Amino acid sequence: MLRIFGPRESGSRSSSFCDGISRRNFLKVGGLAGTATGLGLSLPELLSLEAQAGIRNSHKSVILIYLVGGPPHQDMFDLKPDAPSEFSGPHRPIGTNVDGIEICELFPQMAKRMDKFAIIRSLVGAQGGHDAFQCYTGRKPQDTPAPAGGFAPFGSVVSAVQGPVHQDAPPFVSLCYECTHGPYNEPRPGMLGVKQSSFRPMGPTRADMALQGITLDRLQDRSKLLQSVDRFRREADGSGMMEGLDNFNQQAMGILTSSKLGEALDLSKEDPKIVARYGTGDDVKRIDGNGAPRVPQSFLVARRLVEAGARVVTVNYSKWDWHGGKGNEIFKREHEDFPIFDQAITALVDDLHDRGLDKDTTVLVWGEFGRTPKISAQVGRDHWPRVAMALMAGGGMKTGQVIGATDRLGGEAIDRPVTFAEVFATLYHNLGIDVASTTVNDLAGRPQYLVEGNAKPIAELI
């Protein structure tokens, strides 16, 4: 790869995309120059900038927060205080600022702002294993028939359908930390190909987003030379791959010559009082070894990325597979984790409202399944795919309500079951994408609908 540096060249670094390819991030200046070499054909695979015809190109956005490991719905937003003690657990419900809605006593900040949230208590159709796939795609890992290349995550689909808001920021940004348990990780772009991978600005990748000792004039001169070389290559290219390079290079140039994305990722640019409102955590320590770090500041970075132009930002947060064991550690962990999450999620939602982003930015929080109604001395609350919960905010939705209900033990949905596909249909709707008419082509060129089973947006929310 031909790299463009000034007098000093930085040390070698590596990074990874969601597709698992290990290499320097595409935003590195060297990536821009790569088309001038025989090794540059992979560049158009890194990002698609072509919006689909007929799709409104407004800047609506989604922040998707995945609670790694499966959060306990009965201890968070669907408490059963009248159930026997082996079902109800030690926490008590508290009232909120919305009459009739109660949540866990460890969420006092959310309770004061319940009018800004919507709770889904009847999420059904989860798979039973520890796998993030359904939370990012709306499909079970084993769903068949799968399209050529496999199902794509939500952010990749939005990237393909709507493209970037502007040249300064990619449409799909992942703030997800890599987990040692592979299925916890965000899936690859599947049927949409590597060109719709998320941009992952974690770790050393961030250093690749700045010009390293080169002036803008020199960069522009080399860009013009690159265009001349590419014209010759395009004439010899019969595959059409070169057609995507012009737009890719424009995006790379836009990001390198603009400070928007870099500043969005730099919390030193944020008011310290706002950072303190969210809270901070250790971004190195993986919770329980194979989970994600407990990093509430990721919620703040997500908000800043939305302001910078990202359409979809994904976050994985902490580790929620607590189970029980001796002394039922699940409840000790809840006392530790719930208040931190309460502070961070309310800070995010407050921030969106304060900045006038609450109508345009949808927040979704969920995990891969629910938890068993009965508390076992051996495993605490075990995996329970029959019913789970989701928390939503923003997006101009009708908040301050609970959708669905479970039985007296919290084990079955008895009113208004909601599917994963319906949740994703709602997210697409909030972005201005009609799931009834919009398709994307898989790697075999076959059109694929965005959600399964003709799912529609959740009427109660829109």
Protein backbone atom coordinates (compact mmCIF):
# COMPACT_ATOMS: atom_id res chain seq x y z
CA MET A 1 0.00 0.00 0.00
CA LEU A 2 1.32 3.45 -0.92
CA ARG A 3 1.04 5.67 2.13
CA ILE A 4 1.07 9.46 2.11
CA PHE A 5 3.02 10.90 5.01
CA GLY A 6 4.90 14.07 5.64
CA PRO A 7 8.44 14.27 6.97
CA ARG A 8 7.74 11.83 9.79
CA GLU A 9 5.94 8.53 9.45
CA SER A 10 4.07 7.15 12.41
CA GLY A 11 4.61 3.66 13.72
CA SER A 12 2.69 0.70 12.41
CA ARG A 13 -0.74 0.08 13.84
CA SER A 14 -3.49 -2.40 13.10
CA SER A 15 -7.25 -2.32 13.33
CA SER A 16 -10.24 -4.46 12.45
CA PHE A 17 -13.50 -3.98 10.65
CA CYS A 18 -16.69 -5.82 11.55
CA ASP A 19 -15.93 -8.20 8.70
CA GLY A 20 -12.83 -9.39 10.53
CA ILE A 21 -10.31 -7.97 8.05
CA SER A 22 -7.24 -6.81 9.95
CA ARG A 23 -5.58 -3.79 8.37
CA ARG A 24 -5.16 -0.07 8.77
CA ASN A 25 -8.45 1.76 8.79
CA PHE A 26 -9.72 3.08 5.48
CA LEU A 27 -9.53 6.65 6.76
CA LYS A 28 -5.75 6.53 6.81
CA VAL A 29 -4.26 8.73 4.12
CA GLY A 30 -2.49 5.67 2.78
CA GLY A 31 -5.86 4.12 2.03
CA LEU A 32 -6.66 7.12 -0.13
CA ALA A 33 -3.51 6.61 -2.13
CA GLY A 34 -3.88 2.86 -2.42
CA THR A 35 -5.70 3.03 -5.73
CA ALA A 36 -2.49 4.19 -7.36
CA THR A 37 -0.95 0.79 -6.71
CA GLY A 38 -1.77 -2.70 -7.79
CA LEU A 39 -3.09 -3.39 -4.27
CA GLY A 40 -5.86 -0.79 -4.27
CA LEU A 41 -8.85 -2.72 -5.57
CA SER A 42 -10.06 -3.49 -2.06
CA LEU A 43 -10.76 0.15 -1.30
CA PRO A 44 -14.22 0.39 -2.86
CA GLU A 45 -15.20 -2.50 -0.65
CA LEU A 46 -14.72 -0.39 2.46
CA LEU A 47 -17.63 2.05 2.27
CA SER A 48 -20.62 2.65 0.03
CA LEU A 49 -21.61 6.24 -0.58
CA GLU A 50 -24.42 5.79 -3.06
CA ALA A 51 -27.88 6.43 -1.64
CA GLN A 52 -30.72 4.40 -3.13
CA ALA A 53 -33.06 6.35 -5.40
CA GLY A 54 -36.27 7.55 -3.84
CA ILE A 55 -35.14 7.41 -0.23
CA ARG A 56 -35.39 10.64 1.74
CA ASN A 57 -31.86 11.70 2.69
CA SER A 58 -32.67 13.54 5.92
CA HIS A 59 -30.45 13.11 8.92
CA LYS A 60 -32.42 10.82 11.15
CA SER A 61 -30.32 8.53 13.30
CA VAL A 62 -30.37 5.50 15.60
CA ILE A 63 -28.23 4.67 18.63
CA LEU A 64 -28.47 0.92 19.26
CA ILE A 65 -27.18 -0.22 22.66
CA TYR A 66 -26.63 -3.95 23.13
CA LEU A 67 -26.53 -5.19 26.73
CA VAL A 68 -24.13 -8.11 26.36
CA GLY A 69 -25.32 -11.41 27.81
CA GLY A 70 -29.06 -10.92 28.32
CA PRO A 71 -30.42 -8.47 30.93
CA PRO A 72 -32.91 -9.68 33.59
CA HIS A 73 -36.24 -8.14 32.60
CA GLN A 74 -37.96 -9.13 35.89
CA ASP A 75 -35.41 -7.16 37.91
CA MET A 76 -35.38 -4.07 35.67
CA PHE A 77 -38.68 -3.04 34.08
CA ASP A 78 -41.15 -5.85 34.77
CA LEU A 79 -40.98 -6.52 38.50
CA LYS A 80 -43.39 -8.97 40.12
CA PRO A 81 -43.51 -7.93 43.80
CA ASP A 82 -46.57 -10.07 44.56
CA ALA A 83 -44.98 -13.28 43.24
CA PRO A 84 -43.39 -15.78 45.65
CA SER A 85 -39.91 -14.75 46.79
CA GLU A 86 -38.20 -17.35 44.61
CA PHE A 87 -39.60 -15.44 41.63
CA SER A 88 -39.79 -11.81 42.73
CA GLY A 89 -36.20 -11.20 43.80
CA PRO A 90 -34.99 -8.66 46.38
CA HIS A 91 -35.70 -5.42 44.53
CA ARG A 92 -38.84 -3.36 44.98
CA PRO A 93 -40.66 -1.37 42.31
CA ILE A 94 -40.93 2.40 42.51
CA GLY A 95 -43.38 4.74 40.87
CA THR A 96 -42.38 6.98 38.00
CA ASN A 97 -43.50 10.35 36.67
CA VAL A 98 -46.01 8.46 34.50
CA ASP A 99 -49.00 7.20 36.45
CA GLY A 100 -49.24 3.42 36.54
CA ILE A 101 -45.68 2.68 35.40
CA GLU A 102 -43.30 1.16 37.93
CA ILE A 103 -39.68 0.14 37.48
CA CYS A 104 -36.84 -1.10 39.69
CA GLU A 105 -35.89 1.04 42.67
CA LEU A 106 -32.29 1.07 41.42
CA PHE A 107 -33.35 3.26 38.47
CA PRO A 108 -34.39 6.48 40.24
CA GLN A 109 -33.22 8.75 37.42
CA MET A 110 -35.22 6.89 34.80
CA ALA A 111 -38.22 6.96 37.12
CA LYS A 112 -38.10 10.76 37.07
CA ARG A 113 -38.03 10.76 33.26
CA MET A 114 -40.27 7.86 32.32
CA ASP A 115 -42.26 10.21 30.09
CA LYS A 116 -39.19 10.19 27.80
CA PHE A 117 -38.97 6.38 27.59
CA ALA A 118 -41.09 3.54 26.25
CA ILE A 119 -40.79 0.04 27.72
CA ILE A 120 -41.56 -3.10 25.73
CA ARG A 121 -42.29 -5.86 28.24
CA SER A 122 -43.41 -8.48 25.74
CA LEU A 123 -40.52 -8.98 23.31
CA VAL A 124 -40.85 -12.50 21.91
CA GLY A 125 -39.07 -14.78 19.45
CA ALA A 126 -35.58 -14.60 20.92
CA GLN A 127 -33.05 -17.34 20.34
CA GLY A 128 -31.73 -19.11 23.42
CA GLY A 129 -27.96 -18.85 23.08
CA HIS A 130 -25.47 -16.11 23.82
CA ASP A 131 -25.39 -14.49 20.40
CA ALA A 132 -25.74 -10.82 19.48
CA PHE A 133 -26.81 -11.59 15.91
CA GLN A 134 -30.53 -11.08 16.44
CA CYS A 135 -30.03 -7.79 18.28
CA TYR A 136 -28.12 -6.37 15.32
CA THR A 137 -29.96 -7.97 12.38
CA GLY A 138 -33.44 -8.89 13.59
CA ARG A 139 -32.82 -12.48 12.45
CA LYS A 140 -31.83 -15.60 14.33
CA PRO A 141 -28.40 -16.96 13.41
CA GLN A 142 -29.98 -20.19 12.18
CA ASP A 143 -32.77 -18.57 10.11
CA THR A 144 -33.17 -20.07 6.65
CA PRO A 145 -33.19 -19.53 3.80
CA ALA A 146 -30.42 -17.01 4.26
CA PRO A 147 -29.53 -14.66 1.40
CA ALA A 148 -26.26 -14.99 -0.47
CA GLY A 149 -23.62 -13.70 1.92
CA GLY A 150 -25.85 -13.98 4.99
CA PHE A 151 -28.12 -11.49 6.74
CA ALA A 152 -26.70 -8.00 7.18
CA PRO A 153 -26.77 -5.94 10.38
CA PHE A 154 -29.09 -2.97 10.63
CA GLY A 155 -26.32 -0.38 10.32
CA SER A 156 -24.99 -1.91 7.11
CA VAL A 157 -28.48 -1.91 5.60
CA VAL A 158 -28.98 1.76 6.45
CA SER A 159 -25.56 2.53 4.99
CA ALA A 160 -26.52 0.80 1.75
CA VAL A 161 -29.97 2.37 1.51
CA GLN A 162 -29.26 5.95 2.57
CA GLY A 163 -25.51 6.44 2.30
CA PRO A 164 -23.73 9.23 4.19
CA VAL A 165 -25.32 12.45 5.35
CA HIS A 166 -22.22 14.30 4.16
CA GLN A 167 -18.64 13.55 3.23
CA ASP A 168 -17.27 14.23 6.70
CA ALA A 169 -18.62 11.12 8.42
CA PRO A 170 -19.46 7.50 7.53
CA PRO A 171 -23.13 6.54 7.88
CA PHE A 172 -22.51 3.54 10.17
CA VAL A 173 -20.16 3.79 13.14
CA SER A 174 -19.58 0.98 15.61
CA LEU A 175 -18.36 1.76 19.12
CA CYS A 176 -18.56 -1.93 20.00
CA TYR A 177 -15.61 -3.44 21.82
CA GLU A 178 -14.39 -6.85 20.72
CA CYS A 179 -15.50 -9.65 23.04
CA THR A 180 -13.56 -12.88 23.48
CA HIS A 181 -16.82 -14.83 23.14
CA GLY A 182 -17.18 -14.51 19.38
CA PRO A 183 -20.99 -14.57 19.10
CA TYR A 184 -21.20 -11.50 21.34
CA ASN A 185 -19.57 -9.46 18.59
CA GLU A 186 -21.34 -7.42 15.98
CA PRO A 187 -21.87 -9.50 12.82
CA ARG A 188 -20.20 -8.83 9.50
CA PRO A 189 -22.02 -6.97 6.70
CA GLY A 190 -23.14 -10.25 5.18
CA MET A 191 -25.11 -10.02 1.95
CA LEU A 192 -24.12 -6.37 1.45
CA GLY A 193 -20.39 -7.03 1.27
CA VAL A 194 -17.46 -5.41 3.00
CA LYS A 195 -18.23 -2.03 1.41
CA GLN A 196 -21.03 -1.63 3.97
CA SER A 197 -18.87 -2.45 6.99
CA SER A 198 -19.10 -0.18 9.99
CA PHE A 199 -16.36 2.29 10.70
CA ARG A 200 -14.76 1.23 13.99
CA PRO A 201 -12.88 4.15 15.55
CA MET A 202 -11.63 2.21 18.56
CA GLY A 203 -8.08 1.95 19.83
CA PRO A 204 -5.19 2.90 17.51
CA THR A 205 -7.50 3.42 14.53
CA ARG A 206 -8.28 6.91 15.81
CA ALA A 207 -4.72 8.01 15.10
CA ASP A 208 -5.22 7.21 11.40
CA MET A 209 -7.83 9.93 11.04
CA ALA A 210 -5.40 12.83 10.86
CA LEU A 211 -2.98 14.02 8.21
CA GLN A 212 0.43 12.94 9.44
CA GLY A 213 2.75 15.81 8.61
CA ILE A 214 1.33 16.56 5.17
CA THR A 215 -0.26 19.88 4.18
CA LEU A 216 -3.69 20.12 2.62
CA ASP A 217 -2.18 21.52 -0.59
CA ARG A 218 0.10 18.50 -0.96
CA LEU A 219 -2.80 16.18 -0.24
CA GLN A 220 -4.90 17.86 -2.93
CA ASP A 221 -2.05 17.61 -5.45
CA ARG A 222 -1.63 13.90 -4.77
CA SER A 223 -5.35 13.40 -4.99
CA LYS A 224 -5.35 14.91 -8.48
CA LEU A 225 -2.50 12.61 -9.49
CA LEU A 226 -4.43 9.68 -8.09
CA GLN A 227 -7.47 10.61 -10.19
CA SER A 228 -5.33 10.60 -13.33
CA VAL A 229 -3.94 7.15 -12.55
CA ASP A 230 -7.40 5.82 -11.77
CA ARG A 231 -8.74 6.99 -15.13
CA PHE A 232 -6.34 4.64 -16.88
CA ARG A 233 -7.28 1.78 -14.56
CA ARG A 234 -10.97 2.42 -15.06
CA GLU A 235 -10.61 2.10 -18.82
CA ALA A 236 -9.11 -1.35 -18.31
CA ASP A 237 -11.60 -2.41 -15.67
CA GLY A 238 -14.44 -4.53 -16.96
CA SER A 239 -15.87 -5.48 -13.57
CA GLY A 240 -17.26 -2.12 -12.56
CA MET A 241 -15.35 -2.17 -9.28
CA MET A 242 -13.59 1.09 -10.07
CA GLU A 243 -16.86 2.98 -10.19
CA GLY A 244 -17.07 3.04 -6.41
CA LEU A 245 -13.61 4.50 -5.91
CA ASP A 246 -14.42 8.11 -6.78
CA ASN A 247 -17.04 8.41 -4.07
CA PHE A 248 -14.89 6.52 -1.59
CA ASN A 249 -11.98 8.86 -2.17
CA GLN A 250 -14.25 11.87 -1.79
CA GLN A 251 -15.37 10.56 1.60
CA ALA A 252 -11.81 9.86 2.69
CA MET A 253 -10.76 13.35 1.59
CA GLY A 254 -13.73 14.88 3.37
CA ILE A 255 -12.93 13.18 6.64
CA LEU A 256 -9.22 13.87 6.47
CA THR A 257 -9.72 17.56 5.71
CA SER A 258 -12.52 18.05 8.23
CA SER A 259 -12.30 17.99 12.00
CA LYS A 260 -15.91 16.90 12.59
CA LEU A 261 -15.43 13.17 13.07
CA GLY A 262 -12.19 13.42 15.00
CA GLU A 263 -13.64 16.01 17.34
CA ALA A 264 -16.76 13.90 17.88
CA LEU A 265 -14.56 11.08 19.14
CA ASP A 266 -12.49 13.32 21.39
CA LEU A 267 -14.24 13.78 24.73
CA SER A 268 -11.67 16.37 25.76
CA LYS A 269 -13.65 18.67 23.45
CA GLU A 270 -16.79 18.11 25.53
CA ASP A 271 -17.89 20.16 28.52
CA PRO A 272 -16.50 18.31 31.58
CA LYS A 273 -19.82 18.80 33.35
CA ILE A 274 -21.59 16.87 30.60
CA VAL A 275 -18.98 14.10 30.69
CA ALA A 276 -19.55 13.82 34.43
CA ARG A 277 -23.31 13.53 33.89
CA TYR A 278 -22.77 10.36 31.86
CA GLY A 279 -20.06 8.91 34.06
CA THR A 280 -16.87 7.19 32.92
CA GLY A 281 -15.54 3.66 33.04
CA ASP A 282 -12.48 1.57 32.24
CA ASP A 283 -12.41 0.89 28.50
CA VAL A 284 -9.79 -1.84 28.90
CA LYS A 285 -11.37 -4.09 31.51
CA ARG A 286 -13.69 -6.67 29.94
CA ILE A 287 -16.46 -7.32 32.45
CA ASP A 288 -16.47 -10.97 33.56
CA GLY A 289 -13.61 -11.64 31.17
CA ASN A 290 -15.57 -12.13 27.95
CA GLY A 291 -18.05 -9.25 28.03
CA ALA A 292 -17.68 -5.66 26.90
CA PRO A 293 -16.20 -2.94 29.10
CA ARG A 294 -18.56 -0.97 31.30
CA VAL A 295 -18.02 2.35 29.54
CA PRO A 296 -20.90 4.80 30.00
CA GLN A 297 -18.96 7.48 28.14
CA SER A 298 -19.64 5.49 24.95
CA PHE A 299 -23.21 6.79 25.15
CA LEU A 300 -21.85 10.34 25.02
CA VAL A 301 -19.56 9.55 22.10
CA ALA A 302 -22.58 8.08 20.30
CA ARG A 303 -24.48 11.34 20.74
CA ARG A 304 -21.50 13.32 19.44
CA LEU A 305 -21.20 11.03 16.41
CA VAL A 306 -24.87 11.54 15.60
CA GLU A 307 -24.28 15.29 15.68
CA ALA A 308 -21.28 14.80 13.39
CA GLY A 309 -23.43 13.05 10.79
CA ALA A 310 -23.57 9.33 11.59
CA ARG A 311 -26.89 7.65 10.82
CA VAL A 312 -26.39 4.54 12.95
CA VAL A 313 -24.14 4.17 15.98
CA THR A 314 -23.91 0.84 17.79
CA VAL A 315 -22.65 0.36 21.34
CA ASN A 316 -22.07 -2.80 23.37
CA TYR A 317 -22.17 -2.24 27.10
CA SER A 318 -20.89 -4.26 30.06
CA LYS A 319 -21.83 -7.90 30.76
CA TRP A 320 -25.30 -8.96 31.88
CA ASP A 321 -24.99 -12.75 32.05
CA TRP A 322 -24.87 -12.78 35.84
CA HIS A 323 -26.72 -15.98 36.74
CA GLY A 324 -26.36 -16.76 40.44
CA GLY A 325 -24.03 -19.17 42.12
CA LYS A 326 -23.20 -19.07 45.80
CA GLY A 327 -24.94 -16.12 47.39
CA ASN A 328 -26.76 -15.29 44.14
CA GLU A 329 -24.19 -12.83 42.82
CA ILE A 330 -26.73 -11.70 40.24
CA PHE A 331 -28.30 -9.35 42.77
CA LYS A 332 -24.94 -8.04 43.96
CA ARG A 333 -24.10 -7.21 40.37
CA GLU A 334 -27.45 -5.53 39.87
CA HIS A 335 -26.75 -3.24 42.82
CA GLU A 336 -23.44 -2.35 41.16
CA ASP A 337 -24.46 -2.07 37.50
CA PHE A 338 -28.01 -0.73 37.56
CA PRO A 339 -27.17 2.71 39.03
CA ILE A 340 -24.31 3.22 36.55
CA PHE A 341 -26.58 2.34 33.64
CA ASP A 342 -29.36 4.52 35.09
CA GLN A 343 -27.04 7.51 35.14
CA ALA A 344 -25.70 6.97 31.62
CA ILE A 345 -28.95 6.27 29.78
CA THR A 346 -30.78 9.19 31.39
CA ALA A 347 -27.86 11.50 30.60
CA LEU A 348 -28.08 10.43 26.96
CA VAL A 349 -31.82 10.95 26.69
CA ASP A 350 -31.63 14.28 28.53
CA ASP A 351 -28.83 15.35 26.21
CA LEU A 352 -30.85 14.50 23.11
CA HIS A 353 -33.79 16.52 24.40
CA ASP A 354 -31.62 19.45 25.46
CA ARG A 355 -30.01 19.60 22.01
CA GLY A 356 -33.24 19.23 20.08
CA LEU A 357 -32.27 15.78 18.79
CA ASP A 358 -35.04 13.80 20.45
CA LYS A 359 -37.30 13.89 17.39
CA ASP A 360 -34.55 12.76 15.02
CA THR A 361 -32.53 10.26 17.08
CA THR A 362 -33.98 6.94 18.21
CA VAL A 363 -32.40 5.07 21.13
CA LEU A 364 -32.86 1.31 21.49
CA VAL A 365 -31.56 -0.75 24.44
CA TRP A 366 -31.91 -4.54 24.62
CA GLY A 367 -30.17 -7.91 24.94
CA GLU A 368 -30.38 -11.32 23.31
CA PHE A 369 -33.03 -12.84 25.62
CA GLY A 370 -34.79 -12.55 28.98
CA ARG A 371 -34.23 -14.44 32.23
CA THR A 372 -36.01 -17.28 33.98
CA PRO A 373 -38.85 -16.29 36.30
CA LYS A 374 -37.67 -18.67 39.01
CA ILE A 375 -34.42 -17.92 40.81
CA SER A 376 -32.24 -21.01 41.18
CA ALA A 377 -29.68 -21.38 43.94
CA GLN A 378 -27.28 -22.78 41.35
CA VAL A 379 -27.71 -20.51 38.33
CA GLY A 380 -29.77 -17.57 39.55
CA ARG A 381 -31.85 -16.38 36.64
CA ASP A 382 -30.96 -18.56 33.66
CA HIS A 383 -31.49 -17.95 29.94
CA TRP A 384 -35.13 -17.41 28.95
CA PRO A 385 -35.92 -16.79 25.27
CA ARG A 386 -39.71 -16.89 25.69
CA VAL A 387 -39.96 -13.24 26.62
CA ALA A 388 -37.58 -10.31 27.00
CA MET A 389 -37.67 -6.54 27.22
CA ALA A 390 -36.56 -3.51 25.23
CA LEU A 391 -36.20 0.13 26.20
CA MET A 392 -36.72 2.87 23.61
CA ALA A 393 -36.54 6.65 23.54
CA GLY A 394 -36.47 9.58 21.13
CA GLY A 395 -37.23 9.28 17.43
CA GLY A 396 -40.36 11.38 17.78
CA MET A 397 -42.05 8.30 19.25
CA LYS A 398 -44.95 8.22 21.70
CA THR A 399 -43.04 7.64 24.90
CA GLY A 400 -44.22 7.51 28.49
CA GLN A 401 -45.88 4.15 27.99
CA VAL A 402 -45.48 0.41 28.45
CA ILE A 403 -46.19 -1.89 25.52
CA GLY A 404 -47.25 -5.46 26.25
CA ALA A 405 -47.44 -7.45 29.47
CA THR A 406 -46.26 -10.73 30.93
CA ASP A 407 -47.99 -13.17 33.26
CA ARG A 408 -47.81 -12.92 37.04
CA LEU A 409 -44.35 -14.54 37.10
CA GLY A 410 -42.84 -12.68 34.15
CA GLY A 411 -42.38 -15.81 32.09
CA GLU A 412 -44.80 -15.47 29.17
CA ALA A 413 -46.15 -12.59 27.10
CA ILE A 414 -49.91 -12.39 27.65
CA ASP A 415 -50.63 -9.08 25.94
CA ARG A 416 -49.33 -7.49 22.74
CA PRO A 417 -46.34 -9.69 21.92
CA VAL A 418 -43.73 -7.71 19.99
CA THR A 419 -41.19 -9.32 17.65
CA PHE A 420 -37.62 -8.31 16.91
CA ALA A 421 -38.70 -7.64 13.33
CA GLU A 422 -41.31 -5.15 14.51
CA VAL A 423 -38.70 -3.29 16.52
CA PHE A 424 -36.42 -3.05 13.49
CA ALA A 425 -39.34 -1.99 11.30
CA THR A 426 -39.88 0.84 13.77
CA LEU A 427 -36.23 1.87 13.57
CA TYR A 428 -36.36 1.92 9.77
CA HIS A 429 -39.59 3.91 9.88
CA ASN A 430 -37.97 6.49 12.14
CA LEU A 431 -35.16 6.84 9.59
CA GLY A 432 -37.66 7.46 6.80
CA ILE A 433 -37.28 4.02 5.22
CA ASP A 434 -40.42 2.13 4.18
CA VAL A 435 -39.86 -1.56 4.92
CA ALA A 436 -42.86 -2.53 2.81
CA SER A 437 -41.26 -1.29 -0.41
CA THR A 438 -37.51 -1.02 0.17
CA THR A 439 -35.15 -3.85 -0.75
CA VAL A 440 -31.40 -4.36 -0.94
CA ASN A 441 -29.60 -6.76 -3.25
CA ASP A 442 -27.65 -9.67 -1.80
CA LEU A 443 -24.34 -10.88 -3.20
CA ALA A 444 -26.17 -12.87 -5.86
CA GLY A 445 -28.03 -9.77 -7.00
CA ARG A 446 -31.36 -10.89 -5.57
CA PRO A 447 -33.52 -8.25 -3.85
CA GLN A 448 -34.11 -8.82 -0.14
CA TYR A 449 -36.63 -7.12 2.12
CA LEU A 450 -35.28 -5.45 5.24
CA VAL A 451 -37.38 -7.30 7.84
CA GLU A 452 -38.92 -10.75 7.95
CA GLY A 453 -42.56 -11.73 7.85
CA ASN A 454 -43.94 -8.46 6.51
CA ALA A 455 -43.36 -6.93 9.94
CA LYS A 456 -44.69 -3.43 10.43
CA PRO A 457 -43.58 -0.60 12.73
CA ILE A 458 -45.00 -0.72 16.25
CA ALA A 459 -48.22 1.26 15.89
CA GLU A 460 -48.31 2.26 19.55
CA LEU A 461 -45.02 4.11 19.15
CA ILE A 462 -45.54 5.95 15.89
